[in-house]
C-alpha cells in the first residue's frame, strides 16, 4: 500500500512538471484589507457594553416606515410589498405593540400586540382577529402570516446577557464581503459574542451572536438561533442616533430565512424611556369580527365578539 501511494504521488508530480499549465490555472483575487486601526476589547468589556446599552432603553415609542419582501432562494423569486408607515411601542421586559397604516389613506392595515407569550392581531380589511402563542404552532402557507410581534421585539433591541442563564463566549473573526460599489472583496474585522443559553430543561444551546465592528465597537449585527442550531433571525443595524442618551439604530433589517421573508424598519421619530401605560398594550377583539385561533386553526376558527382568555401570561 505504501509503495502504491508513493508511485501515485510520483506520477502526479511528473505530470505536473511536464505540463504545468494543463491541469490548473492561477488567477488573482483582489481583497481590500481594512487597514484602519482596530479597537481591542475583552469579553468582559463587550458583555458590559451589551448590558449597559440594553439597560438604557426601558421603553421605546417610535414612528416607523416598514418595507417587506417575501421569497428568495426557496421560491426563486421575490415579491416586494408597498411601503407602509406605522408605530412601534415597546416596554421591557417583553411588551410590544405595532400598528401599520395604509399609504395615503392612512387607514389601519394591522394592529398587533404581544406580552412575550401570547399575541393578538387585528386586520380590519379581512375583519379577522387572530390570537395565538408567539411560537408558530401550525405554520401557514403564506410566510407573512407566520410573523409574530415578538420577532420584531427581539430583533429591534439589544438585550442583556443574564449570567443566571447565559454563558458568553468571545470569537475574533475576519469575514469577507463583496462590495457591490467597488466590485471588490472587502475584509472586515469583528468581535463576536456567542450567547449560550440554558433552557427550562437545563440544556444549553446557542441562542444568539452579537457582532461588533472593531472600528467603533458598536454591535451592529445580531443572529438568533433555534434549539437545533438553525438561524431564525438575522438582524443588521445602521444609522445610529442618540435619544435621551440611548444609542438606537434607525435602520433595522430583519431577515427570516426559514420563512423566506425580510422586513426593514426605518425609525423616523422616537421617544426613549417616556411614560407608557398598560392600556396602550390593550387590544380587544372588535364586535362582529371573525376570531381565528392560530394554535387551533381551523377547529376553533369562527365568529365571536369576545376573544379567549390566554392560557398563560407574563
Foldseek 3Di string as FASTA:
>chain_A
DVVVVVVVVVVVVVVCVVPVPPPDDDDDADEAEDPDDFADDDQVRLLVVLQVLQVQFQKKKFKKKKKKKFADPVVPDIDTDDIWIWIWIDGPDQKIWIWTADPPVRHTQKIKIDQRFKMWMQGVVQLEIEIETLQQQDDDPQLVVNDGVRLCVVQFGRHHQDPVFKDKDKDWDWDWDQDPVVRHIYTFTKIKIFIWGQDPVRDIAGAKIFIAGRVVRDRFWMWGADRVGHTQKTKGFDDWDDAPNRTGGQWIWIAGVVSRMIMIMGTPDMHGPDDDDPCVRDDWRAAFGWYHYSNDPPVPTGHDRGDDDDPDGD
